[in-house]
């Protein structure tokens, strides 16, 4: 793979990981989210931090 495509592939992989993580967090049943102290409304922020750091 050329050096041109490596950063594009890395960004696409991170975006896919972000979307999957966000989906999983949003899909948690309410009682599970509560047990884990997760606010499902903050799924986007939590997924962003988990994948991209911050």
N, C-alpha and C. Protein backbone atom coordinates (compact mmCIF):
# COMPACT_ATOMS: atom_id res chain seq x y z
N UNK A 1 0.85 -1.17 0.00
CA UNK A 1 0.00 0.00 0.00
C UNK A 1 0.90 1.24 0.00
N UNK A 2 0.55 2.20 -0.79
CA UNK A 2 1.38 3.40 -0.87
C UNK A 2 1.19 4.27 0.36
N UNK A 3 2.15 5.12 0.58
CA UNK A 3 2.08 5.99 1.75
C UNK A 3 0.91 6.97 1.67
N UNK A 4 0.41 7.20 0.48
CA UNK A 4 -0.75 8.09 0.32
C UNK A 4 -1.99 7.50 0.97
N UNK A 5 -2.17 6.19 0.83
CA UNK A 5 -3.40 5.56 1.30
C UNK A 5 -3.36 5.16 2.77
N UNK A 6 -2.20 5.03 3.36
CA UNK A 6 -2.10 4.60 4.75
C UNK A 6 -2.86 5.51 5.72
N UNK A 7 -2.69 6.84 5.63
CA UNK A 7 -3.47 7.70 6.54
C UNK A 7 -4.97 7.63 6.29
N UNK A 8 -5.36 7.47 5.05
CA UNK A 8 -6.79 7.35 4.74
C UNK A 8 -7.38 6.08 5.32
N UNK A 9 -6.61 4.99 5.22
CA UNK A 9 -7.07 3.73 5.78
C UNK A 9 -7.17 3.82 7.30
N UNK A 10 -6.19 4.44 7.92
CA UNK A 10 -6.20 4.58 9.38
C UNK A 10 -7.40 5.41 9.83
N UNK A 11 -7.69 6.48 9.12
CA UNK A 11 -8.85 7.31 9.47
C UNK A 11 -10.16 6.55 9.30
N UNK A 12 -10.25 5.78 8.23
CA UNK A 12 -11.46 4.99 7.99
C UNK A 12 -11.64 3.93 9.08
N UNK A 13 -10.57 3.32 9.50
CA UNK A 13 -10.65 2.31 10.56
C UNK A 13 -11.07 2.93 11.88
N UNK A 14 -10.53 4.10 12.19
CA UNK A 14 -10.92 4.78 13.44
C UNK A 14 -12.38 5.20 13.39
N UNK A 15 -12.82 5.69 12.24
CA UNK A 15 -14.21 6.11 12.10
C UNK A 15 -15.14 4.91 12.29
N UNK A 16 -14.77 3.77 11.72
CA UNK A 16 -15.58 2.56 11.88
C UNK A 16 -15.62 2.12 13.35
N UNK A 17 -14.48 2.21 14.02
CA UNK A 17 -14.43 1.85 15.45
C UNK A 17 -15.29 2.80 16.27
N UNK A 18 -15.26 4.09 15.93
CA UNK A 18 -16.08 5.09 16.63
C UNK A 18 -17.56 4.77 16.46
N UNK A 19 -17.96 4.51 15.22
CA UNK A 19 -19.38 4.24 14.96
C UNK A 19 -19.84 2.97 15.67
N UNK A 20 -19.01 1.93 15.67
CA UNK A 20 -19.38 0.69 16.35
C UNK A 20 -19.48 0.90 17.86
N UNK A 21 -18.52 1.60 18.43
CA UNK A 21 -18.53 1.87 19.87
C UNK A 21 -19.75 2.69 20.26
N UNK A 22 -20.05 3.72 19.48
CA UNK A 22 -21.23 4.56 19.74
C UNK A 22 -22.50 3.73 19.67
N UNK A 23 -22.59 2.87 18.67
CA UNK A 23 -23.78 2.02 18.53
C UNK A 23 -23.94 1.09 19.73
N UNK A 24 -22.85 0.48 20.16
CA UNK A 24 -22.90 -0.43 21.30
C UNK A 24 -23.35 0.32 22.55
N UNK A 25 -22.79 1.50 22.78
CA UNK A 25 -23.16 2.26 23.98
C UNK A 25 -24.63 2.69 23.94
N UNK A 26 -25.10 3.09 22.77
CA UNK A 26 -26.50 3.49 22.64
C UNK A 26 -27.45 2.31 22.79
N UNK A 27 -26.97 1.12 22.46
CA UNK A 27 -27.82 -0.07 22.47
C UNK A 27 -27.91 -0.76 23.82
N UNK A 28 -27.11 -0.33 24.78
CA UNK A 28 -27.15 -0.97 26.09
C UNK A 28 -28.54 -0.84 26.71
N UNK A 29 -29.05 -1.91 27.28
CA UNK A 29 -30.30 -1.78 28.03
C UNK A 29 -30.11 -0.79 29.19
N UNK A 30 -31.16 -0.12 29.54
CA UNK A 30 -31.08 0.92 30.57
C UNK A 30 -30.49 0.40 31.87
N UNK A 31 -30.91 -0.78 32.31
CA UNK A 31 -30.40 -1.29 33.60
C UNK A 31 -28.91 -1.60 33.54
N UNK A 32 -28.43 -2.06 32.39
CA UNK A 32 -27.00 -2.34 32.25
C UNK A 32 -26.21 -1.04 32.25
N UNK A 33 -26.69 -0.06 31.50
CA UNK A 33 -26.02 1.24 31.46
C UNK A 33 -25.98 1.84 32.87
N UNK A 34 -27.06 1.72 33.61
CA UNK A 34 -27.11 2.25 34.97
C UNK A 34 -26.11 1.53 35.87
N UNK A 35 -26.05 0.20 35.76
CA UNK A 35 -25.09 -0.57 36.57
C UNK A 35 -23.65 -0.17 36.28
N UNK A 36 -23.37 0.17 35.02
CA UNK A 36 -22.02 0.56 34.63
C UNK A 36 -21.77 2.06 34.77
N UNK A 37 -22.78 2.77 35.26
CA UNK A 37 -22.70 4.22 35.44
C UNK A 37 -22.41 4.93 34.11
N UNK A 38 -23.13 4.50 33.07
CA UNK A 38 -22.98 5.07 31.73
C UNK A 38 -24.26 5.81 31.37
N UNK A 39 -24.10 7.05 30.97
CA UNK A 39 -25.24 7.83 30.48
C UNK A 39 -25.31 7.62 28.97
N UNK A 40 -26.33 6.92 28.51
CA UNK A 40 -26.42 6.60 27.08
C UNK A 40 -26.53 7.87 26.22
N UNK A 41 -26.98 8.97 26.80
CA UNK A 41 -27.06 10.23 26.03
C UNK A 41 -25.68 10.77 25.72
N UNK A 42 -24.67 10.34 26.46
CA UNK A 42 -23.30 10.80 26.24
C UNK A 42 -22.50 9.80 25.40
N UNK A 43 -23.19 8.95 24.67
CA UNK A 43 -22.52 7.89 23.90
C UNK A 43 -21.55 8.46 22.88
N UNK A 44 -21.90 9.54 22.22
CA UNK A 44 -21.01 10.12 21.21
C UNK A 44 -19.69 10.58 21.83
N UNK A 45 -19.79 11.28 22.95
CA UNK A 45 -18.58 11.77 23.61
C UNK A 45 -17.73 10.60 24.12
N UNK A 46 -18.37 9.63 24.73
CA UNK A 46 -17.65 8.49 25.26
C UNK A 46 -16.96 7.69 24.15
N UNK A 47 -17.64 7.51 23.03
CA UNK A 47 -17.05 6.78 21.91
C UNK A 47 -15.89 7.56 21.32
N UNK A 48 -16.03 8.86 21.22
CA UNK A 48 -14.96 9.70 20.67
C UNK A 48 -13.70 9.61 21.55
N UNK A 49 -13.88 9.69 22.86
CA UNK A 49 -12.74 9.59 23.77
C UNK A 49 -12.12 8.20 23.71
N UNK A 50 -12.95 7.17 23.64
CA UNK A 50 -12.44 5.79 23.60
C UNK A 50 -11.62 5.52 22.34
N UNK A 51 -12.03 6.07 21.21
CA UNK A 51 -11.36 5.77 19.95
C UNK A 51 -10.25 6.76 19.63
N UNK A 52 -10.54 8.04 19.80
CA UNK A 52 -9.58 9.07 19.39
C UNK A 52 -8.74 9.60 20.54
N UNK A 53 -9.12 9.27 21.77
CA UNK A 53 -8.42 9.79 22.94
C UNK A 53 -8.92 11.16 23.31
N UNK A 54 -8.44 11.65 24.39
CA UNK A 54 -8.83 13.00 24.69
C UNK A 54 -9.28 13.24 26.04
